[in-house]
Amino acid sequence: MSKTILIIEDNFEIREGTAEILSLTGEYKVLTAVNGKEGVDMAFKHQPDLILCDIMMPELDGYGVLYMLSKNESTADIPFIFLTAKTERTDIRKAMEMGADDYLTKPFDDIELLNAIESRFRKREKRIVNNLVNDSPKGTALQLNEDEQNYLLQGLVKEARVKALKKKQHIYEAGDTPLFIFYLLKGKIRSFLLYQDGRELSTGIHIDDSFFGYEALLLNEQYSDNAEALEDCEVALIPKELFFELLYNKPAIASKFITLLSGNIREKEEQMLGFAYDTVRKRVANALVNIAEKSALSSKDGEIMIRISRDDLAALAGTANETISRMLADFKDEKLITKTGNAIIIPAIAKLKAVR
């Protein structure tokens, strides 16, 4: 996963030039802010992995930015590098005493910039690893925070073999023995039940940056459902031995997956109750809401655009293809949805949720 870097700099040439250098590496997602106040707002909103910040700026200078971010728990640990034209020892000392991780003196070249950033990331990762391996007497190392859990899980993902899948290609089938836990890097995957008469019932949709296929692995069972690509996908295949080793060594991560498993079971129970008691109209509306909340392609003025075939929508709603066509036409007449080509646009998702 690419890291996000926020550049807070009022000088246009320096701001855009620095952003261009970082973007060209292909390793970083870059955000920019033109002053300190905007930078603080963006840091709170986007939670970047690192911040590059000028010192002398209007409205709120770099010292003020660092002070405000250091007082907020969600941003206090973000690596912070000052960009400064000031070379006086007192100014540099002030920056470091306030908690800055490093500083770059303008003008700086590409290599200086990239080396400073990579050095900060290496030190942060080393600190996380040290926190994980240095068990305290009270066992606080078992209580990993979200960043530490994600760091360890992403380590598995980085070492895993990546498989490219075409639309409709199967990942696993009911009755297969689980050998991997899967992590979806790109695309959308659906899980579904297949009945003897050929009918399909979708049981879930998985989107970017999510694990799937772990239920059977954790329950030590064969797969009870199937999984296929809704579009072209990239999936990381994590061997079950490595996954279980991490669970055994880090109970906090085991607890995380137990929570995910419990949530999946509850969601499927609610889905089954819906099939039993909800009207067809409600089931189709719920299916559209489910897709919109998990796989929105674009959003504008509260509108959400989704793309899904009628066959897949019918499987998710547990009804016939002809019924889907009729329900979509009704929803369109009621202005609950509009259609553009093969895309469905939902103007207000709350109205679909209220369908009975």
Protein backbone atom coordinates (compact mmCIF):
# COMPACT_ATOMS: atom_id res chain seq x y z
CA MET A 1 0.00 0.00 0.00
CA SER A 2 1.33 3.47 -0.91
CA LYS A 3 2.01 5.90 1.92
CA THR A 4 0.39 9.34 2.07
CA ILE A 5 2.52 12.46 2.48
CA LEU A 6 1.06 15.90 3.27
CA ILE A 7 3.03 18.95 2.10
CA ILE A 8 2.21 22.22 3.89
CA GLU A 9 3.95 25.05 2.03
CA ASP A 10 2.78 28.51 0.96
CA ASN A 11 5.38 28.89 -1.83
CA PHE A 12 3.80 27.57 -5.03
CA GLU A 13 7.02 26.51 -6.78
CA ILE A 14 8.40 24.65 -3.76
CA ARG A 15 5.04 23.04 -2.94
CA GLU A 16 4.32 21.80 -6.47
CA GLY A 17 7.93 20.89 -7.20
CA THR A 18 8.16 18.76 -4.06
CA ALA A 19 4.80 17.13 -4.82
CA GLU A 20 5.96 16.29 -8.34
CA ILE A 21 9.18 14.65 -7.09
CA LEU A 22 7.25 12.45 -4.66
CA SER A 23 4.56 11.55 -7.20
CA LEU A 24 7.14 10.50 -9.79
CA THR A 25 8.51 7.84 -7.44
CA GLY A 26 5.18 6.02 -7.68
CA GLU A 27 5.48 5.14 -3.98
CA TYR A 28 3.58 7.99 -2.39
CA LYS A 29 0.15 9.55 -2.51
CA VAL A 30 0.65 13.31 -2.14
CA LEU A 31 -1.65 15.89 -0.54
CA THR A 32 -0.89 19.62 -0.48
CA ALA A 33 -1.98 22.58 1.66
CA VAL A 34 -1.21 26.24 0.97
CA ASN A 35 -1.06 27.41 4.60
CA GLY A 36 -0.81 26.13 8.16
CA LYS A 37 -4.52 26.29 8.96
CA GLU A 38 -5.47 24.29 5.87
CA GLY A 39 -2.64 21.87 6.63
CA VAL A 40 -3.94 21.15 10.14
CA ASP A 41 -7.44 20.52 8.80
CA MET A 42 -6.12 18.14 6.13
CA ALA A 43 -3.93 16.29 8.66
CA PHE A 44 -6.95 15.66 10.90
CA LYS A 45 -9.09 14.58 7.94
CA HIS A 46 -6.64 12.38 6.00
CA GLN A 47 -4.25 11.10 8.71
CA PRO A 48 -1.15 11.12 6.46
CA ASP A 49 1.83 8.85 7.07
CA LEU A 50 4.27 11.80 7.06
CA ILE A 51 4.11 15.61 6.98
CA LEU A 52 6.49 18.06 5.28
CA CYS A 53 5.87 21.56 6.63
CA ASP A 54 7.31 25.02 6.01
CA ILE A 55 8.06 27.16 9.08
CA MET A 56 7.27 30.70 7.90
CA MET A 57 3.64 30.80 6.66
CA PRO A 58 0.66 33.15 6.94
CA GLU A 59 -2.29 32.47 9.29
CA LEU A 60 -0.49 29.69 11.18
CA ASP A 61 3.26 29.07 11.04
CA GLY A 62 4.97 25.68 11.11
CA TYR A 63 5.55 25.79 14.85
CA GLY A 64 1.82 26.30 15.38
CA VAL A 65 1.01 23.41 13.04
CA LEU A 66 3.33 21.06 14.94
CA TYR A 67 1.95 22.21 18.29
CA MET A 68 -1.69 21.62 17.29
CA LEU A 69 -1.00 18.21 15.77
CA SER A 70 1.08 17.08 18.76
CA LYS A 71 -1.85 17.81 21.08
CA ASN A 72 -4.24 15.56 19.17
CA GLU A 73 -3.95 11.82 19.82
CA SER A 74 -4.77 10.90 16.22
CA THR A 75 -1.92 13.00 14.74
CA ALA A 76 0.65 13.16 17.55
CA ASP A 77 2.74 10.26 16.19
CA ILE A 78 2.82 11.29 12.53
CA PRO A 79 6.48 11.84 11.46
CA PHE A 80 7.02 15.57 10.95
CA ILE A 81 9.79 17.18 8.85
CA PHE A 82 10.27 20.93 8.72
CA LEU A 83 11.15 22.66 5.44
CA THR A 84 13.02 25.81 6.36
CA ALA A 85 15.10 28.59 4.90
CA LYS A 86 16.24 29.34 8.45
CA THR A 87 19.65 27.96 9.29
CA GLU A 88 20.16 29.60 12.66
CA ARG A 89 20.99 27.10 15.36
CA THR A 90 18.31 28.52 17.69
CA ASP A 91 15.57 28.02 15.09
CA ILE A 92 16.63 24.44 14.42
CA ARG A 93 16.86 23.73 18.14
CA LYS A 94 13.37 25.14 18.68
CA ALA A 95 11.97 22.89 15.95
CA MET A 96 13.55 19.74 17.37
CA GLU A 97 12.60 20.60 20.97
CA MET A 98 8.97 20.94 19.88
CA GLY A 99 9.04 17.38 18.57
CA ALA A 100 9.95 17.65 14.89
CA ASP A 101 11.57 14.47 13.59
CA ASP A 102 13.87 16.15 11.07
CA TYR A 103 14.37 19.29 8.99
CA LEU A 104 15.43 20.10 5.43
CA THR A 105 17.08 23.41 4.59
CA LYS A 106 15.90 25.09 1.39
CA PRO A 107 16.93 24.68 -1.33
CA PHE A 108 17.16 20.88 -1.11
CA ASP A 109 17.62 18.40 -3.95
CA ASP A 110 15.65 15.27 -4.84
CA ILE A 111 18.06 12.89 -3.09
CA GLU A 112 18.05 14.86 0.18
CA LEU A 113 14.24 14.90 0.19
CA LEU A 114 13.79 11.20 -0.55
CA ASN A 115 16.52 10.12 1.87
CA ALA A 116 14.97 12.15 4.69
CA ILE A 117 11.53 10.64 4.08
CA GLU A 118 12.79 7.06 3.76
CA SER A 119 14.89 7.49 6.92
CA ARG A 120 11.81 8.60 8.87
CA PHE A 121 9.77 5.63 7.67
CA ARG A 122 12.58 3.18 8.51
CA LYS A 123 12.90 4.58 12.03
CA ARG A 124 9.14 4.44 12.55
CA GLU A 125 8.97 0.82 11.43
CA LYS A 126 11.92 -0.08 13.66
CA ARG A 127 10.18 1.56 16.62
CA ILE A 128 6.99 -0.42 15.94
CA VAL A 129 8.92 -3.68 15.74
CA ASN A 130 10.76 -2.90 18.99
CA ASN A 131 7.44 -2.23 20.69
CA LEU A 132 6.16 -5.59 19.51
CA VAL A 133 9.13 -7.71 20.58
CA ASN A 134 9.87 -6.04 23.90
CA ASP A 135 7.22 -7.74 26.05
CA SER A 136 6.52 -5.96 29.29
CA PRO A 137 5.98 -7.80 32.61
CA LYS A 138 2.27 -7.00 32.45
CA GLY A 139 1.94 -8.37 28.92
CA THR A 140 1.09 -5.03 27.38
CA ALA A 141 2.70 -6.19 24.11
CA LEU A 142 -0.39 -8.36 23.63
CA GLN A 143 -2.47 -5.17 23.46
CA LEU A 144 -1.38 -4.01 20.01
CA ASN A 145 -2.87 -0.80 18.72
CA GLU A 146 -4.43 -0.62 15.27
CA ASP A 147 -1.24 0.67 13.59
CA GLU A 148 0.83 -2.18 15.05
CA GLN A 149 -1.71 -4.79 13.98
CA ASN A 150 -1.87 -3.36 10.45
CA TYR A 151 1.93 -3.24 10.26
CA LEU A 152 2.24 -6.96 11.06
CA LEU A 153 -0.61 -7.95 8.73
CA GLN A 154 0.78 -5.85 5.89
CA GLY A 155 4.08 -7.66 6.42
CA LEU A 156 2.29 -10.90 5.50
CA VAL A 157 0.69 -9.23 2.48
CA LYS A 158 4.02 -7.90 1.18
CA GLU A 159 5.59 -11.36 1.33
CA ALA A 160 2.61 -13.09 -0.30
CA ARG A 161 2.29 -14.20 -3.90
CA VAL A 162 -0.05 -11.92 -5.87
CA LYS A 163 -2.50 -13.48 -8.33
CA ALA A 164 -4.25 -11.53 -11.10
CA LEU A 165 -7.85 -12.59 -11.73
CA LYS A 166 -10.14 -11.85 -14.64
CA LYS A 167 -13.82 -10.99 -14.22
CA LYS A 168 -15.92 -14.09 -13.31
CA GLN A 169 -12.79 -16.13 -12.49
CA HIS A 170 -13.21 -18.30 -9.37
CA ILE A 171 -10.85 -18.01 -6.40
CA TYR A 172 -12.21 -20.97 -4.46
CA GLU A 173 -15.25 -23.25 -4.61
CA ALA A 174 -17.46 -24.94 -2.03
CA GLY A 175 -15.79 -28.13 -0.82
CA ASP A 176 -12.23 -26.90 -1.38
CA THR A 177 -9.81 -27.17 1.55
CA PRO A 178 -8.48 -23.73 2.59
CA LEU A 179 -4.75 -23.28 1.95
CA PHE A 180 -4.60 -19.48 2.03
CA ILE A 181 -6.13 -16.41 3.57
CA PHE A 182 -6.82 -13.87 0.83
CA TYR A 183 -6.19 -10.11 0.81
CA LEU A 184 -7.85 -8.09 -1.95
CA LEU A 185 -5.39 -5.53 -3.30
CA LYS A 186 -7.52 -4.28 -6.17
CA GLY A 187 -11.02 -4.91 -7.49
CA LYS A 188 -14.19 -6.49 -6.07
CA ILE A 189 -14.93 -10.10 -5.07
CA ARG A 190 -18.28 -11.67 -4.31
CA SER A 191 -18.93 -14.79 -2.24
CA PHE A 192 -22.00 -16.86 -3.04
CA LEU A 193 -23.86 -20.14 -2.51
CA LEU A 194 -24.65 -22.31 -5.52
CA TYR A 195 -27.72 -24.57 -5.36
CA GLN A 196 -28.21 -27.83 -7.28
CA ASP A 197 -30.83 -26.25 -9.54
CA GLY A 198 -28.26 -23.65 -10.64
CA ARG A 199 -29.58 -20.76 -8.59
CA GLU A 200 -27.02 -18.50 -6.90
CA LEU A 201 -27.32 -16.58 -3.64
CA SER A 202 -24.66 -13.94 -2.98
CA THR A 203 -23.52 -13.84 0.64
CA GLY A 204 -21.05 -10.97 0.56
CA ILE A 205 -19.04 -8.42 -1.41
CA HIS A 206 -15.37 -7.70 -0.67
CA ILE A 207 -13.58 -4.49 -1.68
CA ASP A 208 -10.00 -3.15 -1.84
CA ASP A 209 -7.73 -3.61 1.18
CA SER A 210 -9.78 -6.30 2.91
CA PHE A 211 -9.20 -9.89 3.99
CA PHE A 212 -11.61 -12.62 2.93
CA GLY A 213 -11.90 -16.41 2.91
CA TYR A 214 -10.79 -16.72 6.54
CA GLU A 215 -14.04 -18.12 7.98
CA ALA A 216 -13.42 -21.71 6.83
CA LEU A 217 -9.76 -21.41 7.83
CA LEU A 218 -10.57 -20.32 11.38
CA LEU A 219 -13.34 -22.92 11.74
CA ASN A 220 -11.08 -25.67 10.30
CA GLU A 221 -13.67 -26.56 7.68
CA GLN A 222 -13.90 -26.82 3.93
CA TYR A 223 -15.33 -23.80 2.12
CA SER A 224 -19.13 -23.75 2.29
CA ASP A 225 -19.44 -21.03 -0.35
CA ASN A 226 -17.74 -19.88 -3.55
CA ALA A 227 -15.80 -16.74 -4.43
CA GLU A 228 -15.35 -15.10 -7.81
CA ALA A 229 -14.13 -11.81 -9.23
CA LEU A 230 -16.79 -9.21 -10.03
CA GLU A 231 -14.15 -7.37 -12.09
CA ASP A 232 -10.45 -7.73 -12.84
CA CYS A 233 -8.70 -8.16 -9.47
CA GLU A 234 -5.35 -8.59 -7.77
CA VAL A 235 -5.34 -10.88 -4.73
CA ALA A 236 -2.51 -11.65 -2.28
CA LEU A 237 -2.37 -15.33 -1.30
CA ILE A 238 -1.11 -15.66 2.29
CA PRO A 239 -0.20 -19.25 3.26
CA LYS A 240 -2.29 -20.46 6.18
CA GLU A 241 0.83 -21.58 8.09
CA LEU A 242 2.20 -18.03 8.21
CA PHE A 243 -1.22 -16.65 9.11
CA PHE A 244 -1.69 -19.09 12.01
CA GLU A 245 1.85 -18.43 13.24
CA LEU A 246 1.01 -14.74 13.51
CA LEU A 247 -2.27 -15.49 15.33
CA TYR A 248 -0.51 -17.72 17.86
CA ASN A 249 2.25 -15.19 18.53
CA LYS A 250 -0.01 -12.13 18.64
CA PRO A 251 -3.33 -12.78 20.43
CA ALA A 252 -4.49 -9.23 19.66
CA ILE A 253 -4.58 -10.12 15.96
CA ALA A 254 -6.39 -13.37 16.72
CA SER A 255 -8.96 -11.30 18.61
CA LYS A 256 -9.27 -8.97 15.61
CA PHE A 257 -10.20 -11.86 13.30
CA ILE A 258 -12.58 -13.38 15.83
CA THR A 259 -14.36 -10.02 15.88
CA LEU A 260 -14.46 -9.97 12.06
CA LEU A 261 -15.79 -13.53 12.03
CA SER A 262 -18.51 -12.66 14.54
CA GLY A 263 -19.53 -9.66 12.46
CA ASN A 264 -19.71 -11.77 9.29
CA ILE A 265 -21.90 -14.37 11.02
CA ARG A 266 -24.23 -11.66 12.36
CA GLU A 267 -24.45 -10.03 8.92
CA LYS A 268 -25.34 -13.35 7.27
CA GLU A 269 -27.96 -14.08 9.92
CA GLU A 270 -29.58 -10.71 9.21
CA GLN A 271 -29.42 -11.46 5.49
CA MET A 272 -31.18 -14.82 5.99
CA LEU A 273 -33.87 -13.18 8.13
CA GLY A 274 -34.36 -10.64 5.38
CA PHE A 275 -34.86 -13.36 2.78
CA ALA A 276 -37.46 -15.00 5.05
CA TYR A 277 -39.48 -11.95 6.09
CA ASP A 278 -38.71 -8.94 3.87
CA THR A 279 -40.66 -8.13 0.72
CA VAL A 280 -38.90 -8.54 -2.63
CA ARG A 281 -38.94 -4.76 -2.93
CA LYS A 282 -37.11 -4.40 0.41
CA ARG A 283 -34.58 -7.13 -0.49
CA VAL A 284 -33.65 -5.43 -3.77
CA ALA A 285 -33.33 -2.07 -2.02
CA ASN A 286 -31.12 -3.64 0.66
CA ALA A 287 -28.96 -5.25 -2.02
CA LEU A 288 -28.42 -1.88 -3.71
CA VAL A 289 -27.58 -0.26 -0.36
CA ASN A 290 -25.12 -3.05 0.45
CA ILE A 291 -23.32 -2.62 -2.87
CA ALA A 292 -23.31 1.18 -2.58
CA GLU A 293 -21.84 1.16 0.93
CA LYS A 294 -19.12 -1.34 0.04
CA SER A 295 -18.21 -0.57 -3.54
CA ALA A 296 -19.13 2.96 -4.55
CA LEU A 297 -17.34 3.95 -7.77
CA SER A 298 -17.89 7.66 -7.42
CA SER A 299 -19.73 10.13 -5.27
CA LYS A 300 -20.89 13.62 -6.18
CA ASP A 301 -23.29 15.84 -4.25
CA GLY A 302 -24.43 12.87 -2.20
CA GLU A 303 -24.98 10.69 -5.28
CA ILE A 304 -23.39 7.24 -5.44
CA MET A 305 -22.69 5.34 -8.64
CA ILE A 306 -22.44 1.54 -8.70
CA ARG A 307 -21.97 -1.05 -11.42
CA ILE A 308 -23.32 -4.59 -11.08
CA SER A 309 -24.91 -7.03 -13.51
CA ARG A 310 -28.57 -7.96 -13.11
CA ASP A 311 -27.55 -11.58 -12.54
CA ASP A 312 -25.28 -10.60 -9.65
CA LEU A 313 -27.88 -8.24 -8.20
CA ALA A 314 -30.51 -10.98 -8.39
CA ALA A 315 -28.18 -13.37 -6.58
CA LEU A 316 -27.53 -10.80 -3.86
CA ALA A 317 -31.23 -10.06 -3.39
CA GLY A 318 -32.27 -13.72 -3.57
CA THR A 319 -34.76 -13.25 -6.39
CA ALA A 320 -35.24 -13.84 -10.12
CA ASN A 321 -33.60 -11.78 -12.86
CA GLU A 322 -37.00 -10.72 -14.20
CA THR A 323 -37.98 -9.42 -10.75
CA ILE A 324 -34.82 -7.32 -10.63
CA SER A 325 -35.72 -5.68 -13.94
CA ARG A 326 -39.20 -4.85 -12.66
CA MET A 327 -37.95 -3.51 -9.30
CA LEU A 328 -35.28 -1.33 -10.94
CA ALA A 329 -37.92 0.13 -13.26
CA ASP A 330 -40.16 0.88 -10.25
CA PHE A 331 -37.29 2.48 -8.33
CA LYS A 332 -36.44 4.60 -11.36
CA ASP A 333 -40.07 5.80 -11.68
CA GLU A 334 -40.02 6.69 -7.96
CA LYS A 335 -36.72 8.59 -8.46
CA LEU A 336 -34.95 6.34 -5.97
CA ILE A 337 -32.37 5.59 -8.68
CA THR A 338 -31.38 6.78 -12.14
CA LYS A 339 -29.49 4.88 -14.82
CA THR A 340 -26.65 5.89 -17.11
CA GLY A 341 -25.56 3.09 -19.44
CA ASN A 342 -24.77 0.08 -17.24
CA ALA A 343 -24.36 2.24 -14.14
CA ILE A 344 -26.94 2.73 -11.38
CA ILE A 345 -26.93 6.13 -9.66
CA ILE A 346 -28.41 6.44 -6.18
CA PRO A 347 -29.28 10.11 -5.45
CA ALA A 348 -30.00 9.57 -1.73
CA ILE A 349 -29.09 6.28 -0.08
CA ALA A 350 -31.26 7.10 2.96
CA LYS A 351 -34.39 6.87 0.79
CA LEU A 352 -33.43 3.39 -0.39
CA LYS A 353 -32.82 2.32 3.21
CA ALA A 354 -36.35 3.47 4.06
CA VAL A 355 -37.99 1.27 1.41
CA ARG A 356 -40.42 -1.24 2.91
